[in-house]
């Protein structure tokens, strides 16, 4: 279920954060206090700590992102 959504950066004390929608939290079984991993370079990937990444999985995900962005037809 690829999707694109805008989120607003919020101030929380001296930090800033983007809240994740409740539907996402339920879909990925993420709750308050759970750990997530944030992978970043030019793109930010937020994933449940329990999700394993491999090259095929990442290629499929990036292809979907490119379709959503209108940058590539696959």
PDB file of N, CA and C in Angstrom:
ATOM      1  N   UNK A   1       0.808  -1.176   0.000  1.00  0.00           N
ATOM      2  CA  UNK A   1       0.000   0.000   0.000  1.00  0.00           C
ATOM      3  C   UNK A   1       0.859   1.251   0.000  1.00  0.00           C
ATOM      4  N   UNK A   2       1.491   1.553  -1.129  1.00  0.00           N
ATOM      5  CA  UNK A   2       2.318   2.754  -1.163  1.00  0.00           C
ATOM      6  C   UNK A   2       1.469   3.998  -0.992  1.00  0.00           C
ATOM      7  N   UNK A   3       2.044   4.982  -0.365  1.00  0.00           N
ATOM      8  CA  UNK A   3       1.312   6.222  -0.123  1.00  0.00           C
ATOM      9  C   UNK A   3       2.302   7.367   0.010  1.00  0.00           C
ATOM     10  N   UNK A   4       1.769   8.549  -0.131  1.00  0.00           N
ATOM     11  CA  UNK A   4       2.572   9.754   0.069  1.00  0.00           C
ATOM     12  C   UNK A   4       1.773  10.668   0.979  1.00  0.00           C
ATOM     13  N   UNK A   5       2.417  11.191   1.994  1.00  0.00           N
ATOM     14  CA  UNK A   5       1.728  12.055   2.945  1.00  0.00           C
ATOM     15  C   UNK A   5       2.697  13.133   3.420  1.00  0.00           C
ATOM     16  N   UNK A   6       2.189  14.306   3.662  1.00  0.00           N
ATOM     17  CA  UNK A   6       3.009  15.370   4.244  1.00  0.00           C
ATOM     18  C   UNK A   6       2.810  15.367   5.749  1.00  0.00           C
ATOM     19  N   UNK A   7       3.870  15.588   6.483  1.00  0.00           N
ATOM     20  CA  UNK A   7       3.808  15.700   7.935  1.00  0.00           C
ATOM     21  C   UNK A   7       4.478  17.003   8.325  1.00  0.00           C
ATOM     22  N   UNK A   8       3.985  17.631   9.351  1.00  0.00           N
ATOM     23  CA  UNK A   8       4.536  18.888   9.840  1.00  0.00           C
ATOM     24  C   UNK A   8       5.536  18.590  10.963  1.00  0.00           C
ATOM     25  N   UNK A   9       6.639  19.309  10.972  1.00  0.00           N
ATOM     26  CA  UNK A   9       7.621  19.165  12.047  1.00  0.00           C
ATOM     27  C   UNK A   9       7.098  19.912  13.268  1.00  0.00           C
ATOM     28  N   UNK A  10       7.084  19.230  14.401  1.00  0.00           N
ATOM     29  CA  UNK A  10       6.591  19.783  15.660  1.00  0.00           C
ATOM     30  C   UNK A  10       7.749  20.024  16.613  1.00  0.00           C
ATOM     31  N   UNK A  11       7.603  21.011  17.469  1.00  0.00           N
ATOM     32  CA  UNK A  11       8.610  21.243  18.509  1.00  0.00           C
ATOM     33  C   UNK A  11       8.183  20.477  19.754  1.00  0.00           C
ATOM     34  N   UNK A  12       9.120  19.703  20.289  1.00  0.00           N
ATOM     35  CA  UNK A  12       8.889  18.969  21.536  1.00  0.00           C
ATOM     36  C   UNK A  12      10.075  19.292  22.440  1.00  0.00           C
ATOM     37  N   UNK A  13       9.880  20.219  23.358  1.00  0.00           N
ATOM     38  CA  UNK A  13      10.987  20.685  24.195  1.00  0.00           C
ATOM     39  C   UNK A  13      12.018  21.367  23.311  1.00  0.00           C
ATOM     40  N   UNK A  14      13.281  20.952  23.430  1.00  0.00           N
ATOM     41  CA  UNK A  14      14.346  21.505  22.595  1.00  0.00           C
ATOM     42  C   UNK A  14      14.512  20.734  21.293  1.00  0.00           C
ATOM     43  N   UNK A  15      13.726  19.688  21.104  1.00  0.00           N
ATOM     44  CA  UNK A  15      13.832  18.846  19.911  1.00  0.00           C
ATOM     45  C   UNK A  15      12.720  19.161  18.930  1.00  0.00           C
ATOM     46  N   UNK A  16      12.801  18.539  17.773  1.00  0.00           N
ATOM     47  CA  UNK A  16      11.752  18.619  16.764  1.00  0.00           C
ATOM     48  C   UNK A  16      11.405  17.205  16.344  1.00  0.00           C
ATOM     49  N   UNK A  17      10.141  16.995  15.968  1.00  0.00           N
ATOM     50  CA  UNK A  17       9.688  15.649  15.628  1.00  0.00           C
ATOM     51  C   UNK A  17       8.583  15.705  14.589  1.00  0.00           C
ATOM     52  N   UNK A  18       8.395  14.596  13.905  1.00  0.00           N
ATOM     53  CA  UNK A  18       7.251  14.414  13.012  1.00  0.00           C
ATOM     54  C   UNK A  18       6.443  13.261  13.588  1.00  0.00           C
ATOM     55  N   UNK A  19       5.180  13.496  13.842  1.00  0.00           N
ATOM     56  CA  UNK A  19       4.319  12.449  14.400  1.00  0.00           C
ATOM     57  C   UNK A  19       3.930  11.470  13.297  1.00  0.00           C
ATOM     58  N   UNK A  20       3.908  10.193  13.631  1.00  0.00           N
ATOM     59  CA  UNK A  20       3.486   9.168  12.687  1.00  0.00           C
ATOM     60  C   UNK A  20       1.989   8.947  12.843  1.00  0.00           C
ATOM     61  N   UNK A  21       1.266   8.818  11.739  1.00  0.00           N
ATOM     62  CA  UNK A  21      -0.183   8.637  11.810  1.00  0.00           C
ATOM     63  C   UNK A  21      -0.562   7.351  12.570  1.00  0.00           C
ATOM     64  N   UNK A  22      -1.657   7.376  13.316  1.00  0.00           N
ATOM     65  CA  UNK A  22      -2.088   6.197  14.075  1.00  0.00           C
ATOM     66  C   UNK A  22      -2.263   4.954  13.201  1.00  0.00           C
ATOM     67  N   UNK A  23      -2.741   5.121  11.961  1.00  0.00           N
ATOM     68  CA  UNK A  23      -2.902   3.966  11.072  1.00  0.00           C
ATOM     69  C   UNK A  23      -1.573   3.281  10.798  1.00  0.00           C
ATOM     70  N   UNK A  24      -0.518   4.063  10.623  1.00  0.00           N
ATOM     71  CA  UNK A  24       0.807   3.481  10.395  1.00  0.00           C
ATOM     72  C   UNK A  24       1.266   2.711  11.623  1.00  0.00           C
ATOM     73  N   UNK A  25       1.068   3.321  12.777  1.00  0.00           N
ATOM     74  CA  UNK A  25       1.507   2.670  14.016  1.00  0.00           C
ATOM     75  C   UNK A  25       0.802   1.331  14.201  1.00  0.00           C
ATOM     76  N   UNK A  26      -0.498   1.306  13.926  1.00  0.00           N
ATOM     77  CA  UNK A  26      -1.242   0.041  14.022  1.00  0.00           C
ATOM     78  C   UNK A  26      -0.767  -0.957  12.969  1.00  0.00           C
ATOM     79  N   UNK A  27      -0.592  -0.506  11.731  1.00  0.00           N
ATOM     80  CA  UNK A  27      -0.200  -1.398  10.638  1.00  0.00           C
ATOM     81  C   UNK A  27       1.149  -2.058  10.897  1.00  0.00           C
ATOM     82  N   UNK A  28       2.066  -1.320  11.514  1.00  0.00           N
ATOM     83  CA  UNK A  28       3.398  -1.851  11.771  1.00  0.00           C
ATOM     84  C   UNK A  28       3.596  -2.294  13.218  1.00  0.00           C
ATOM     85  N   UNK A  29       2.490  -2.298  13.966  1.00  0.00           N
ATOM     86  CA  UNK A  29       2.514  -2.766  15.352  1.00  0.00           C
ATOM     87  C   UNK A  29       3.586  -2.030  16.177  1.00  0.00           C
ATOM     88  N   UNK A  30       3.590  -0.697  16.046  1.00  0.00           N
ATOM     89  CA  UNK A  30       4.540   0.142  16.785  1.00  0.00           C
ATOM     90  C   UNK A  30       3.767   0.858  17.882  1.00  0.00           C
ATOM     91  N   UNK A  31       4.295   0.814  19.100  1.00  0.00           N
ATOM     92  CA  UNK A  31       3.615   1.439  20.229  1.00  0.00           C
ATOM     93  C   UNK A  31       4.585   2.349  20.976  1.00  0.00           C
ATOM     94  N   UNK A  32       4.055   3.146  21.871  1.00  0.00           N
ATOM     95  CA  UNK A  32       4.868   4.040  22.693  1.00  0.00           C
ATOM     96  C   UNK A  32       5.929   3.210  23.415  1.00  0.00           C
ATOM     97  N   UNK A  33       7.165   3.650  23.354  1.00  0.00           N
ATOM     98  CA  UNK A  33       8.268   2.956  24.018  1.00  0.00           C
ATOM     99  C   UNK A  33       8.987   1.958  23.124  1.00  0.00           C
ATOM    100  N   UNK A  34       8.360   1.569  21.984  1.00  0.00           N
ATOM    101  CA  UNK A  34       9.028   0.655  21.049  1.00  0.00           C
ATOM    102  C   UNK A  34      10.193   1.377  20.389  1.00  0.00           C
ATOM    103  N   UNK A  35      11.188   0.609  19.995  1.00  0.00           N
ATOM    104  CA  UNK A  35      12.330   1.177  19.292  1.00  0.00           C
ATOM    105  C   UNK A  35      12.114   1.051  17.788  1.00  0.00           C
ATOM    106  N   UNK A  36      12.507   2.089  17.065  1.00  0.00           N
ATOM    107  CA  UNK A  36      12.507   2.068  15.614  1.00  0.00           C
ATOM    108  C   UNK A  36      13.918   2.392  15.156  1.00  0.00           C
ATOM    109  N   UNK A  37      14.211   2.096  13.902  1.00  0.00           N
ATOM    110  CA  UNK A  37      15.498   2.468  13.339  1.00  0.00           C
ATOM    111  C   UNK A  37      15.260   3.539  12.285  1.00  0.00           C
ATOM    112  N   UNK A  38      16.125   4.534  12.267  1.00  0.00           N
ATOM    113  CA  UNK A  38      16.070   5.583  11.267  1.00  0.00           C
ATOM    114  C   UNK A  38      17.348   5.477  10.446  1.00  0.00           C
ATOM    115  N   UNK A  39      17.182   5.228   9.151  1.00  0.00           N
ATOM    116  CA  UNK A  39      18.308   5.100   8.233  1.00  0.00           C
ATOM    117  C   UNK A  39      18.264   6.326   7.335  1.00  0.00           C
ATOM    118  N   UNK A  40      19.371   7.009   7.173  1.00  0.00           N
ATOM    119  CA  UNK A  40      19.323   8.253   6.419  1.00  0.00           C
ATOM    120  C   UNK A  40      20.585   8.514   5.632  1.00  0.00           C
ATOM    121  N   UNK A  41      20.407   9.223   4.572  1.00  0.00           N
ATOM    122  CA  UNK A  41      21.447   9.794   3.741  1.00  0.00           C
ATOM    123  C   UNK A  41      20.759  10.941   3.018  1.00  0.00           C
ATOM    124  N   UNK A  42      20.383  10.749   1.759  1.00  0.00           N
ATOM    125  CA  UNK A  42      19.563  11.747   1.067  1.00  0.00           C
ATOM    126  C   UNK A  42      18.086  11.475   1.301  1.00  0.00           C
ATOM    127  N   UNK A  43      17.776  10.251   1.698  1.00  0.00           N
ATOM    128  CA  UNK A  43      16.410   9.806   1.973  1.00  0.00           C
ATOM    129  C   UNK A  43      16.385   9.284   3.403  1.00  0.00           C
ATOM    130  N   UNK A  44      15.261   9.486   4.085  1.00  0.00           N
ATOM    131  CA  UNK A  44      15.111   8.982   5.448  1.00  0.00           C
ATOM    132  C   UNK A  44      14.180   7.776   5.408  1.00  0.00           C
ATOM    133  N   UNK A  45      14.617   6.666   5.982  1.00  0.00           N
ATOM    134  CA  UNK A  45      13.795   5.465   6.095  1.00  0.00           C
ATOM    135  C   UNK A  45      13.554   5.221   7.579  1.00  0.00           C
ATOM    136  N   UNK A  46      12.295   5.116   7.959  1.00  0.00           N
ATOM    137  CA  UNK A  46      11.932   4.789   9.331  1.00  0.00           C
ATOM    138  C   UNK A  46      11.332   3.401   9.297  1.00  0.00           C
ATOM    139  N   UNK A  47      11.873   2.482  10.065  1.00  0.00           N
ATOM    140  CA  UNK A  47      11.381   1.111  10.016  1.00  0.00           C
ATOM    141  C   UNK A  47      11.277   0.525  11.409  1.00  0.00           C
ATOM    142  N   UNK A  48      10.328  -0.402  11.578  1.00  0.00           N
ATOM    143  CA  UNK A  48      10.281  -1.119  12.849  1.00  0.00           C
ATOM    144  C   UNK A  48      11.595  -1.872  13.042  1.00  0.00           C
ATOM    145  N   UNK A  49      12.060  -1.925  14.248  1.00  0.00           N
ATOM    146  CA  UNK A  49      13.327  -2.597  14.527  1.00  0.00           C
ATOM    147  C   UNK A  49      13.281  -4.065  14.106  1.00  0.00           C
ATOM    148  N   UNK A  50      12.100  -4.672  14.116  1.00  0.00           N
ATOM    149  CA  UNK A  50      11.959  -6.091  13.781  1.00  0.00           C
ATOM    150  C   UNK A  50      11.986  -6.372  12.279  1.00  0.00           C
ATOM    151  N   UNK A  51      11.903  -5.344  11.435  1.00  0.00           N
ATOM    152  CA  UNK A  51      11.867  -5.543   9.986  1.00  0.00           C
ATOM    153  C   UNK A  51      13.279  -5.657   9.434  1.00  0.00           C
ATOM    154  N   UNK A  52      13.542  -6.750   8.728  1.00  0.00           N
ATOM    155  CA  UNK A  52      14.855  -6.946   8.105  1.00  0.00           C
ATOM    156  C   UNK A  52      14.840  -6.377   6.694  1.00  0.00           C
ATOM    157  N   UNK A  53      15.913  -5.748   6.299  1.00  0.00           N
ATOM    158  CA  UNK A  53      16.040  -5.190   4.964  1.00  0.00           C
ATOM    159  C   UNK A  53      16.986  -6.049   4.139  1.00  0.00           C
ATOM    160  N   UNK A  54      16.634  -6.255   2.870  1.00  0.00           N
ATOM    161  CA  UNK A  54      17.560  -6.886   1.946  1.00  0.00           C
ATOM    162  C   UNK A  54      17.452  -6.149   0.611  1.00  0.00           C
ATOM    163  N   UNK A  55      18.341  -6.442  -0.322  1.00  0.00           N
ATOM    164  CA  UNK A  55      18.415  -5.697  -1.580  1.00  0.00           C
ATOM    165  C   UNK A  55      17.109  -5.784  -2.380  1.00  0.00           C
ATOM    166  N   UNK A  56      16.505  -6.974  -2.464  1.00  0.00           N
ATOM    167  CA  UNK A  56      15.260  -7.125  -3.229  1.00  0.00           C
ATOM    168  C   UNK A  56      14.129  -6.309  -2.609  1.00  0.00           C
ATOM    169  N   UNK A  57      14.007  -6.357  -1.298  1.00  0.00           N
ATOM    170  CA  UNK A  57      12.980  -5.598  -0.588  1.00  0.00           C
ATOM    171  C   UNK A  57      13.162  -4.100  -0.841  1.00  0.00           C
ATOM    172  N   UNK A  58      14.387  -3.616  -0.698  1.00  0.00           N
ATOM    173  CA  UNK A  58      14.654  -2.191  -0.888  1.00  0.00           C
ATOM    174  C   UNK A  58      14.402  -1.759  -2.331  1.00  0.00           C
ATOM    175  N   UNK A  59      14.757  -2.604  -3.305  1.00  0.00           N
ATOM    176  CA  UNK A  59      14.511  -2.266  -4.706  1.00  0.00           C
ATOM    177  C   UNK A  59      13.015  -2.113  -4.958  1.00  0.00           C
ATOM    178  N   UNK A  60      12.207  -3.044  -4.458  1.00  0.00           N
ATOM    179  CA  UNK A  60      10.758  -2.965  -4.629  1.00  0.00           C
ATOM    180  C   UNK A  60      10.205  -1.692  -3.984  1.00  0.00           C
ATOM    181  N   UNK A  61      10.667  -1.384  -2.768  1.00  0.00           N
ATOM    182  CA  UNK A  61      10.202  -0.183  -2.074  1.00  0.00           C
ATOM    183  C   UNK A  61      10.600   1.085  -2.827  1.00  0.00           C
ATOM    184  N   UNK A  62      11.837   1.145  -3.297  1.00  0.00           N
ATOM    185  CA  UNK A  62      12.282   2.334  -4.030  1.00  0.00           C
ATOM    186  C   UNK A  62      11.550   2.473  -5.360  1.00  0.00           C
ATOM    187  N   UNK A  63      11.260   1.370  -6.040  1.00  0.00           N
ATOM    188  CA  UNK A  63      10.468   1.423  -7.271  1.00  0.00           C
ATOM    189  C   UNK A  63       9.084   2.011  -6.994  1.00  0.00           C
ATOM    190  N   UNK A  64       8.456   1.600  -5.884  1.00  0.00           N
ATOM    191  CA  UNK A  64       7.148   2.149  -5.524  1.00  0.00           C
ATOM    192  C   UNK A  64       7.224   3.645  -5.229  1.00  0.00           C
ATOM    193  N   UNK A  65       8.279   4.049  -4.532  1.00  0.00           N
ATOM    194  CA  UNK A  65       8.458   5.471  -4.223  1.00  0.00           C
ATOM    195  C   UNK A  65       8.615   6.272  -5.512  1.00  0.00           C
ATOM    196  N   UNK A  66       9.394   5.753  -6.455  1.00  0.00           N
ATOM    197  CA  UNK A  66       9.574   6.452  -7.730  1.00  0.00           C
ATOM    198  C   UNK A  66       8.259   6.563  -8.497  1.00  0.00           C
ATOM    199  N   UNK A  67       7.435   5.533  -8.447  1.00  0.00           N
ATOM    200  CA  UNK A  67       6.115   5.596  -9.093  1.00  0.00           C
ATOM    201  C   UNK A  67       5.246   6.668  -8.446  1.00  0.00           C
ATOM    202  N   UNK A  68       5.246   6.723  -7.140  1.00  0.00           N
ATOM    203  CA  UNK A  68       4.442   7.723  -6.424  1.00  0.00           C
ATOM    204  C   UNK A  68       4.917   9.132  -6.786  1.00  0.00           C
ATOM    205  N   UNK A  69       6.211   9.304  -6.878  1.00  0.00           N
ATOM    206  CA  UNK A  69       6.786  10.617  -7.190  1.00  0.00           C
ATOM    207  C   UNK A  69       6.646  10.966  -8.661  1.00  0.00           C
ATOM    208  N   UNK A  70       6.236   9.993  -9.486  1.00  0.00           N
ATOM    209  CA  UNK A  70       6.085  10.248 -10.913  1.00  0.00           C
ATOM    210  C   UNK A  70       7.383  10.274 -11.661  1.00  0.00           C
ATOM    211  N   UNK A  71       8.437   9.720 -11.057  1.00  0.00           N
ATOM    212  CA  UNK A  71       9.752   9.777 -11.681  1.00  0.00           C
ATOM    213  C   UNK A  71      10.110   8.591 -12.540  1.00  0.00           C
ATOM    214  N   UNK A  72       9.281   7.529 -12.532  1.00  0.00           N
ATOM    215  CA  UNK A  72       9.673   6.327 -13.266  1.00  0.00           C
ATOM    216  C   UNK A  72       8.460   5.447 -13.463  1.00  0.00           C
ATOM    217  N   UNK A  73       8.340   4.835 -14.623  1.00  0.00           N
ATOM    218  CA  UNK A  73       7.297   3.837 -14.873  1.00  0.00           C
ATOM    219  C   UNK A  73       7.908   2.461 -14.839  1.00  0.00           C
ATOM    220  N   UNK A  74       7.376   1.586 -14.000  1.00  0.00           N
ATOM    221  CA  UNK A  74       7.841   0.191 -13.929  1.00  0.00           C
ATOM    222  C   UNK A  74       6.684  -0.735 -14.072  1.00  0.00           C
TER     223      UNK A  74
END
